[in-house]
């Protein structure tokens, strides 16, 4: 494995993205599965420590967006998606009624409620604040983390 150089700068940029991400929320705003990947290149795949730092950043971003959405007057869904084996697909999502189509709210079939998080990052998710569901398919397990207080359930 090649050494990850520039880690401090890389994470400074990740946290800068988290701390400056602002949704445009006015009476015309809508989101069609808007999402952002904080580890788009998948660097967390090579190190548990780096993966955990990305998950912390996704949770912090999610909390930031929830705070912004408190004053939003339209119905919305928001969640964190954590892929057990592909950190490049981890993301924070926002979805609302929108002019693209009438698919709202997003409902997922075969979503297992109250599933157990992997030991490697279960300490990062506050189960008093969040609900955790999972979806399992061939060779993949995806965890969906949602606020217990805000938004419409998946």
N, C-alpha and C. Protein backbone atom coordinates (compact mmCIF):
# COMPACT_ATOMS: atom_id res chain seq x y z
N UNK A 1 0.83 -1.18 0.00
CA UNK A 1 0.00 0.00 0.00
C UNK A 1 0.88 1.25 0.00
N UNK A 2 0.57 2.17 -0.84
CA UNK A 2 1.31 3.42 -0.95
C UNK A 2 0.94 4.34 0.21
N UNK A 3 1.93 5.03 0.77
CA UNK A 3 1.70 5.93 1.88
C UNK A 3 0.80 7.09 1.44
N UNK A 4 -0.14 7.44 2.32
CA UNK A 4 -1.07 8.54 2.06
C UNK A 4 -0.40 9.84 2.48
N UNK A 5 0.11 10.56 1.51
CA UNK A 5 0.80 11.82 1.79
C UNK A 5 -0.18 12.99 1.76
N UNK A 6 0.08 13.98 2.58
CA UNK A 6 -0.78 15.16 2.62
C UNK A 6 -2.07 14.94 3.39
N UNK A 7 -2.04 14.01 4.35
CA UNK A 7 -3.25 13.66 5.09
C UNK A 7 -3.83 14.86 5.86
N UNK A 8 -2.96 15.65 6.50
CA UNK A 8 -3.45 16.81 7.26
C UNK A 8 -4.20 17.78 6.36
N UNK A 9 -3.59 18.10 5.23
CA UNK A 9 -4.22 19.02 4.28
C UNK A 9 -5.51 18.43 3.73
N UNK A 10 -5.47 17.13 3.41
CA UNK A 10 -6.65 16.45 2.86
C UNK A 10 -7.83 16.57 3.84
N UNK A 11 -7.59 16.24 5.12
CA UNK A 11 -8.69 16.30 6.08
C UNK A 11 -9.06 17.73 6.45
N UNK A 12 -8.13 18.66 6.37
CA UNK A 12 -8.47 20.06 6.56
C UNK A 12 -9.48 20.48 5.48
N UNK A 13 -9.25 20.01 4.25
CA UNK A 13 -10.17 20.32 3.15
C UNK A 13 -11.52 19.61 3.32
N UNK A 14 -11.50 18.36 3.79
CA UNK A 14 -12.76 17.65 4.04
C UNK A 14 -13.58 18.41 5.08
N UNK A 15 -12.95 18.78 6.19
CA UNK A 15 -13.67 19.49 7.25
C UNK A 15 -14.08 20.89 6.82
N UNK A 16 -13.31 21.50 5.94
CA UNK A 16 -13.72 22.80 5.39
C UNK A 16 -15.01 22.63 4.58
N UNK A 17 -15.08 21.56 3.81
CA UNK A 17 -16.29 21.29 3.04
C UNK A 17 -17.49 21.07 3.97
N UNK A 18 -17.27 20.31 5.04
CA UNK A 18 -18.34 20.07 6.02
C UNK A 18 -18.81 21.39 6.63
N UNK A 19 -17.88 22.22 7.04
CA UNK A 19 -18.21 23.44 7.79
C UNK A 19 -18.70 24.60 6.93
N UNK A 20 -18.62 24.46 5.62
CA UNK A 20 -19.08 25.54 4.74
C UNK A 20 -20.25 25.11 3.84
N UNK A 21 -20.70 23.88 3.97
CA UNK A 21 -21.78 23.38 3.12
C UNK A 21 -23.10 24.02 3.56
N UNK A 22 -23.68 24.79 2.68
CA UNK A 22 -24.96 25.45 2.97
C UNK A 22 -25.96 25.13 1.87
N UNK A 23 -27.13 24.70 2.28
CA UNK A 23 -28.22 24.46 1.34
C UNK A 23 -28.90 25.79 1.04
N UNK A 24 -29.33 25.97 -0.18
CA UNK A 24 -30.11 27.16 -0.52
C UNK A 24 -31.56 26.81 -0.24
N UNK A 25 -32.10 27.43 0.79
CA UNK A 25 -33.45 27.10 1.26
C UNK A 25 -34.35 28.33 1.18
N UNK A 26 -35.11 28.42 0.11
CA UNK A 26 -36.11 29.47 0.00
C UNK A 26 -37.41 28.83 -0.46
N UNK A 27 -38.40 29.62 -0.78
CA UNK A 27 -39.71 29.05 -1.15
C UNK A 27 -39.68 28.29 -2.47
N UNK A 28 -38.65 28.49 -3.30
CA UNK A 28 -38.54 27.78 -4.57
C UNK A 28 -37.61 26.56 -4.50
N UNK A 29 -37.00 26.33 -3.37
CA UNK A 29 -35.99 25.27 -3.25
C UNK A 29 -36.60 23.88 -3.32
N UNK A 30 -35.87 23.00 -3.96
CA UNK A 30 -36.23 21.59 -4.00
C UNK A 30 -34.95 20.79 -4.22
N UNK A 31 -34.99 19.51 -3.85
CA UNK A 31 -33.82 18.64 -3.96
C UNK A 31 -34.26 17.29 -4.52
N UNK A 32 -33.62 16.89 -5.57
CA UNK A 32 -33.89 15.59 -6.18
C UNK A 32 -32.71 14.67 -5.88
N UNK A 33 -32.77 13.99 -4.77
CA UNK A 33 -31.69 13.11 -4.31
C UNK A 33 -30.34 13.84 -4.33
N UNK A 34 -30.37 15.11 -3.89
CA UNK A 34 -29.11 15.85 -3.76
C UNK A 34 -28.24 15.10 -2.77
N UNK A 35 -26.96 14.97 -3.08
CA UNK A 35 -26.06 14.28 -2.15
C UNK A 35 -24.63 14.75 -2.36
N UNK A 36 -23.83 14.47 -1.36
CA UNK A 36 -22.41 14.78 -1.45
C UNK A 36 -21.60 13.65 -0.84
N UNK A 37 -20.53 13.30 -1.53
CA UNK A 37 -19.59 12.26 -1.08
C UNK A 37 -18.36 12.96 -0.52
N UNK A 38 -18.02 12.69 0.71
CA UNK A 38 -16.82 13.31 1.29
C UNK A 38 -15.57 12.49 1.00
N UNK A 39 -15.75 11.24 0.61
CA UNK A 39 -14.60 10.37 0.27
C UNK A 39 -14.82 9.81 -1.14
N UNK A 40 -15.05 10.71 -2.08
CA UNK A 40 -15.40 10.29 -3.44
C UNK A 40 -14.33 9.40 -4.07
N UNK A 41 -13.07 9.66 -3.75
CA UNK A 41 -11.99 8.85 -4.33
C UNK A 41 -11.74 7.56 -3.58
N UNK A 42 -12.42 7.33 -2.46
CA UNK A 42 -12.32 6.07 -1.75
C UNK A 42 -11.03 5.85 -0.97
N UNK A 43 -10.41 6.93 -0.48
CA UNK A 43 -9.15 6.74 0.26
C UNK A 43 -9.37 6.01 1.58
N UNK A 44 -10.58 6.01 2.11
CA UNK A 44 -10.87 5.30 3.35
C UNK A 44 -10.85 3.80 3.21
N UNK A 45 -10.76 3.31 1.99
CA UNK A 45 -10.75 1.87 1.75
C UNK A 45 -9.48 1.21 2.28
N UNK A 46 -8.40 1.98 2.38
CA UNK A 46 -7.11 1.42 2.76
C UNK A 46 -6.78 1.52 4.24
N UNK A 47 -7.60 2.23 5.01
CA UNK A 47 -7.28 2.45 6.40
C UNK A 47 -8.55 2.65 7.22
N UNK A 48 -8.68 1.88 8.29
CA UNK A 48 -9.84 2.01 9.17
C UNK A 48 -9.85 3.40 9.83
N UNK A 49 -8.69 3.89 10.20
CA UNK A 49 -8.60 5.21 10.83
C UNK A 49 -9.11 6.30 9.89
N UNK A 50 -8.72 6.23 8.64
CA UNK A 50 -9.16 7.21 7.64
C UNK A 50 -10.65 7.04 7.35
N UNK A 51 -11.11 5.81 7.29
CA UNK A 51 -12.54 5.54 7.06
C UNK A 51 -13.38 6.12 8.19
N UNK A 52 -12.94 5.91 9.42
CA UNK A 52 -13.67 6.43 10.58
C UNK A 52 -13.72 7.96 10.56
N UNK A 53 -12.63 8.60 10.15
CA UNK A 53 -12.62 10.07 10.08
C UNK A 53 -13.62 10.56 9.04
N UNK A 54 -13.74 9.85 7.93
CA UNK A 54 -14.74 10.22 6.92
C UNK A 54 -16.16 10.04 7.45
N UNK A 55 -16.40 8.95 8.17
CA UNK A 55 -17.74 8.73 8.74
C UNK A 55 -18.07 9.83 9.74
N UNK A 56 -17.11 10.22 10.57
CA UNK A 56 -17.32 11.36 11.49
C UNK A 56 -17.69 12.61 10.72
N UNK A 57 -17.00 12.84 9.61
CA UNK A 57 -17.27 14.02 8.79
C UNK A 57 -18.67 13.95 8.17
N UNK A 58 -19.08 12.78 7.70
CA UNK A 58 -20.43 12.62 7.14
C UNK A 58 -21.48 12.92 8.22
N UNK A 59 -21.26 12.44 9.43
CA UNK A 59 -22.22 12.68 10.52
C UNK A 59 -22.26 14.17 10.86
N UNK A 60 -21.12 14.82 10.91
CA UNK A 60 -21.08 16.25 11.20
C UNK A 60 -21.79 17.04 10.09
N UNK A 61 -21.57 16.66 8.84
CA UNK A 61 -22.26 17.33 7.73
C UNK A 61 -23.76 17.11 7.84
N UNK A 62 -24.17 15.90 8.14
CA UNK A 62 -25.59 15.59 8.29
C UNK A 62 -26.21 16.47 9.38
N UNK A 63 -25.53 16.58 10.52
CA UNK A 63 -26.05 17.42 11.61
C UNK A 63 -26.13 18.89 11.17
N UNK A 64 -25.15 19.34 10.40
CA UNK A 64 -25.18 20.72 9.89
C UNK A 64 -26.39 20.94 8.98
N UNK A 65 -26.65 19.98 8.08
CA UNK A 65 -27.78 20.11 7.16
C UNK A 65 -29.11 20.02 7.91
N UNK A 66 -29.18 19.15 8.92
CA UNK A 66 -30.41 19.06 9.73
C UNK A 66 -30.71 20.39 10.39
N UNK A 67 -29.68 21.04 10.90
CA UNK A 67 -29.86 22.35 11.55
C UNK A 67 -30.41 23.36 10.53
N UNK A 68 -29.89 23.33 9.32
CA UNK A 68 -30.37 24.25 8.28
C UNK A 68 -31.81 23.93 7.88
N UNK A 69 -32.17 22.65 7.87
CA UNK A 69 -33.50 22.23 7.43
C UNK A 69 -34.59 22.47 8.49
N UNK A 70 -34.20 22.81 9.70
CA UNK A 70 -35.20 23.05 10.76
C UNK A 70 -36.21 24.11 10.35
N UNK A 71 -35.79 25.13 9.63
CA UNK A 71 -36.68 26.22 9.24
C UNK A 71 -37.32 26.00 7.86
N UNK A 72 -36.98 24.91 7.18
CA UNK A 72 -37.52 24.63 5.85
C UNK A 72 -38.98 24.23 5.97
N UNK A 73 -39.82 24.86 5.21
CA UNK A 73 -41.28 24.68 5.33
C UNK A 73 -41.83 23.49 4.54
N UNK A 74 -41.05 22.94 3.63
CA UNK A 74 -41.53 21.84 2.79
C UNK A 74 -41.16 20.49 3.43
N UNK A 75 -41.88 19.43 3.08
CA UNK A 75 -41.48 18.10 3.58
C UNK A 75 -40.16 17.68 2.94
N UNK A 76 -39.39 16.92 3.66
CA UNK A 76 -38.09 16.48 3.15
C UNK A 76 -37.69 15.15 3.77
N UNK A 77 -36.76 14.51 3.10
CA UNK A 77 -36.10 13.32 3.62
C UNK A 77 -34.61 13.60 3.59
N UNK A 78 -33.92 13.12 4.58
CA UNK A 78 -32.48 13.26 4.61
C UNK A 78 -31.89 12.06 5.33
N UNK A 79 -30.75 11.61 4.85
CA UNK A 79 -30.12 10.44 5.45
C UNK A 79 -28.65 10.38 5.10
N UNK A 80 -27.93 9.56 5.87
CA UNK A 80 -26.53 9.24 5.58
C UNK A 80 -26.54 7.81 5.06
N UNK A 81 -25.80 7.58 4.01
CA UNK A 81 -25.68 6.25 3.42
C UNK A 81 -24.22 5.81 3.59
N UNK A 82 -24.00 4.70 4.31
CA UNK A 82 -22.65 4.18 4.54
C UNK A 82 -22.58 2.78 3.91
N UNK A 83 -21.70 2.63 2.93
CA UNK A 83 -21.49 1.33 2.28
C UNK A 83 -20.37 0.60 3.00
N UNK A 84 -20.66 -0.60 3.46
CA UNK A 84 -19.66 -1.30 4.26
C UNK A 84 -18.36 -1.55 3.51
N UNK A 85 -18.42 -1.85 2.22
CA UNK A 85 -17.22 -2.23 1.48
C UNK A 85 -16.75 -1.21 0.45
N UNK A 86 -17.44 -0.09 0.30
CA UNK A 86 -17.04 0.90 -0.70
C UNK A 86 -17.21 2.31 -0.16
N UNK A 87 -16.21 2.82 0.56
CA UNK A 87 -16.34 4.14 1.18
C UNK A 87 -16.52 5.28 0.18
N UNK A 88 -16.15 5.08 -1.06
CA UNK A 88 -16.35 6.12 -2.07
C UNK A 88 -17.81 6.39 -2.36
N UNK A 89 -18.69 5.46 -1.98
CA UNK A 89 -20.13 5.63 -2.20
C UNK A 89 -20.84 6.22 -0.99
N UNK A 90 -20.16 6.36 0.15
CA UNK A 90 -20.77 6.97 1.33
C UNK A 90 -21.20 8.39 0.99
N UNK A 91 -22.37 8.79 1.48
CA UNK A 91 -22.86 10.12 1.14
C UNK A 91 -23.93 10.58 2.12
N UNK A 92 -24.20 11.87 2.09
CA UNK A 92 -25.31 12.48 2.81
C UNK A 92 -26.32 12.94 1.75
N UNK A 93 -27.59 12.62 1.95
CA UNK A 93 -28.64 12.89 0.96
C UNK A 93 -29.71 13.83 1.51
N UNK A 94 -30.30 14.62 0.60
CA UNK A 94 -31.49 15.42 0.87
C UNK A 94 -32.42 15.23 -0.32
N UNK A 95 -33.70 14.96 -0.02
CA UNK A 95 -34.69 14.73 -1.07
C UNK A 95 -36.00 15.40 -0.66
N UNK A 96 -36.61 16.10 -1.62
CA UNK A 96 -37.89 16.78 -1.37
C UNK A 96 -38.81 16.56 -2.57
N UNK A 97 -40.10 16.95 -2.43
CA UNK A 97 -40.92 17.00 -3.64
C UNK A 97 -40.22 17.92 -4.64
N UNK A 98 -40.29 17.57 -5.93
CA UNK A 98 -39.53 18.32 -6.92
C UNK A 98 -40.20 18.25 -8.29
N UNK A 99 -39.83 19.14 -9.20
CA UNK A 99 -40.45 19.15 -10.52
C UNK A 99 -39.94 18.07 -11.47
N UNK A 100 -38.88 17.34 -11.11
CA UNK A 100 -38.35 16.30 -11.99
C UNK A 100 -39.32 15.13 -12.15
N UNK A 101 -39.93 14.72 -11.05
CA UNK A 101 -40.96 13.68 -11.10
C UNK A 101 -41.73 13.73 -9.79
N UNK A 102 -42.73 12.87 -9.67
CA UNK A 102 -43.56 12.90 -8.47
C UNK A 102 -43.16 11.82 -7.46
N UNK A 103 -41.92 11.37 -7.54
CA UNK A 103 -41.45 10.33 -6.63
C UNK A 103 -40.96 10.95 -5.32
N UNK A 104 -41.89 11.14 -4.43
CA UNK A 104 -41.59 11.58 -3.08
C UNK A 104 -42.74 11.13 -2.20
N UNK A 105 -42.51 10.59 -1.06
CA UNK A 105 -41.21 10.31 -0.46
C UNK A 105 -40.57 9.05 -1.04
N UNK A 106 -39.25 8.99 -0.92
CA UNK A 106 -38.49 7.82 -1.35
C UNK A 106 -38.74 6.71 -0.32
N UNK A 107 -39.19 5.57 -0.79
CA UNK A 107 -39.43 4.42 0.08
C UNK A 107 -38.55 3.27 -0.38
N UNK A 108 -37.89 2.64 0.55
CA UNK A 108 -37.01 1.52 0.21
C UNK A 108 -37.62 0.23 0.71
N UNK A 109 -37.81 -0.69 -0.20
CA UNK A 109 -38.27 -2.02 0.15
C UNK A 109 -37.09 -2.81 0.72
N UNK A 110 -37.35 -3.78 1.51
CA UNK A 110 -36.32 -4.67 2.05
C UNK A 110 -35.29 -3.94 2.91
N UNK A 111 -35.70 -2.87 3.54
CA UNK A 111 -34.81 -2.14 4.45
C UNK A 111 -35.05 -2.69 5.84
N UNK A 112 -34.02 -3.23 6.45
CA UNK A 112 -34.13 -3.84 7.77
C UNK A 112 -33.92 -2.76 8.83
N UNK A 113 -34.95 -2.56 9.65
CA UNK A 113 -34.88 -1.53 10.68
C UNK A 113 -34.07 -2.02 11.88
N UNK A 114 -33.51 -1.07 12.59
CA UNK A 114 -32.77 -1.35 13.83
C UNK A 114 -31.71 -2.43 13.70
N UNK A 115 -30.97 -2.41 12.62
CA UNK A 115 -29.91 -3.40 12.45
C UNK A 115 -28.66 -2.95 13.22
N UNK A 116 -27.77 -3.87 13.42
CA UNK A 116 -26.54 -3.57 14.16
C UNK A 116 -25.48 -3.02 13.22
N UNK A 117 -24.87 -1.95 13.66
CA UNK A 117 -23.75 -1.37 12.91
C UNK A 117 -22.51 -2.22 13.09
N UNK A 118 -21.61 -2.21 12.13
CA UNK A 118 -20.35 -2.94 12.29
C UNK A 118 -19.57 -2.40 13.49
N UNK A 119 -18.88 -3.27 14.15
CA UNK A 119 -18.10 -2.92 15.33
C UNK A 119 -17.10 -1.80 15.03
N UNK A 120 -16.61 -1.74 13.80
CA UNK A 120 -15.57 -0.78 13.42
C UNK A 120 -16.03 0.67 13.51
N UNK A 121 -17.35 0.94 13.42
CA UNK A 121 -17.78 2.33 13.53
C UNK A 121 -19.06 2.52 14.32
N UNK A 122 -19.49 1.52 15.07
CA UNK A 122 -20.75 1.68 15.80
C UNK A 122 -20.65 2.74 16.91
N UNK A 123 -19.45 2.97 17.43
CA UNK A 123 -19.29 3.98 18.47
C UNK A 123 -19.40 5.41 17.93
N UNK A 124 -19.41 5.59 16.63
CA UNK A 124 -19.50 6.92 16.04
C UNK A 124 -20.95 7.41 15.88
N UNK A 125 -21.90 6.48 15.95
CA UNK A 125 -23.31 6.81 15.69
C UNK A 125 -24.08 6.80 17.00
N UNK A 126 -24.67 7.94 17.35
CA UNK A 126 -25.47 8.07 18.57
C UNK A 126 -26.86 7.48 18.32
N UNK A 127 -27.12 6.32 18.88
CA UNK A 127 -28.40 5.63 18.62
C UNK A 127 -29.58 6.28 19.36
N UNK A 128 -29.32 7.23 20.24
CA UNK A 128 -30.40 8.00 20.86
C UNK A 128 -30.88 9.09 19.90
N UNK A 129 -30.01 9.53 19.04
CA UNK A 129 -30.31 10.59 18.09
C UNK A 129 -30.70 10.06 16.70
N UNK A 130 -30.17 8.89 16.33
CA UNK A 130 -30.35 8.37 14.98
C UNK A 130 -30.96 6.98 14.96
N UNK A 131 -31.73 6.72 13.91
CA UNK A 131 -32.20 5.37 13.58
C UNK A 131 -31.25 4.81 12.54
N UNK A 132 -30.96 3.52 12.65
CA UNK A 132 -30.08 2.87 11.68
C UNK A 132 -30.84 1.72 11.04
N UNK A 133 -30.86 1.71 9.72
CA UNK A 133 -31.45 0.63 8.94
C UNK A 133 -30.38 0.11 8.00
N UNK A 134 -30.60 -1.09 7.48
CA UNK A 134 -29.62 -1.59 6.52
C UNK A 134 -30.32 -2.33 5.38
N UNK A 135 -29.62 -2.35 4.28
CA UNK A 135 -30.06 -3.05 3.08
C UNK A 135 -28.95 -4.03 2.71
N UNK A 136 -29.33 -5.27 2.51
CA UNK A 136 -28.34 -6.27 2.12
C UNK A 136 -28.69 -6.84 0.76
N UNK A 137 -27.65 -6.92 -0.06
CA UNK A 137 -27.78 -7.57 -1.36
C UNK A 137 -26.53 -8.42 -1.54
N UNK A 138 -26.40 -9.02 -2.69
CA UNK A 138 -25.24 -9.88 -2.94
C UNK A 138 -23.94 -9.12 -2.74
N UNK A 139 -23.18 -9.50 -1.73
CA UNK A 139 -21.86 -8.93 -1.51
C UNK A 139 -21.83 -7.50 -1.02
N UNK A 140 -22.97 -6.94 -0.66
CA UNK A 140 -22.97 -5.55 -0.21
C UNK A 140 -23.94 -5.36 0.95
N UNK A 141 -23.51 -4.56 1.90
CA UNK A 141 -24.37 -4.15 2.98
C UNK A 141 -24.28 -2.63 3.08
N UNK A 142 -25.43 -1.98 3.07
CA UNK A 142 -25.49 -0.52 3.09
C UNK A 142 -26.28 -0.10 4.32
N UNK A 143 -25.74 0.84 5.08
CA UNK A 143 -26.38 1.33 6.29
C UNK A 143 -26.97 2.70 6.03
N UNK A 144 -28.21 2.90 6.47
CA UNK A 144 -28.91 4.17 6.32
C UNK A 144 -29.13 4.74 7.71
N UNK A 145 -28.61 5.93 7.92
CA UNK A 145 -28.69 6.59 9.22
C UNK A 145 -29.57 7.82 9.05
N UNK A 146 -30.61 7.91 9.90
CA UNK A 146 -31.55 9.02 9.81
C UNK A 146 -31.82 9.59 11.19
N UNK A 147 -32.14 10.87 11.22
CA UNK A 147 -32.53 11.52 12.46
C UNK A 147 -33.85 10.93 12.95
N UNK A 148 -33.96 10.74 14.25
CA UNK A 148 -35.23 10.29 14.83
C UNK A 148 -36.24 11.43 14.89
N UNK A 149 -35.76 12.67 14.88
CA UNK A 149 -36.60 13.83 15.10
C UNK A 149 -37.07 14.53 13.83
N UNK A 150 -36.26 14.52 12.78
CA UNK A 150 -36.54 15.34 11.61
C UNK A 150 -36.68 14.52 10.34
N UNK A 151 -37.51 15.03 9.45
CA UNK A 151 -37.63 14.42 8.13
C UNK A 151 -38.57 13.24 8.09
N UNK A 152 -38.87 12.82 6.88
CA UNK A 152 -39.74 11.68 6.61
C UNK A 152 -38.88 10.44 6.48
N UNK A 153 -39.31 9.34 7.05
CA UNK A 153 -38.56 8.07 7.05
C UNK A 153 -38.44 7.49 5.65
N UNK A 154 -37.37 6.77 5.43
CA UNK A 154 -37.18 6.03 4.17
C UNK A 154 -38.14 4.86 4.12
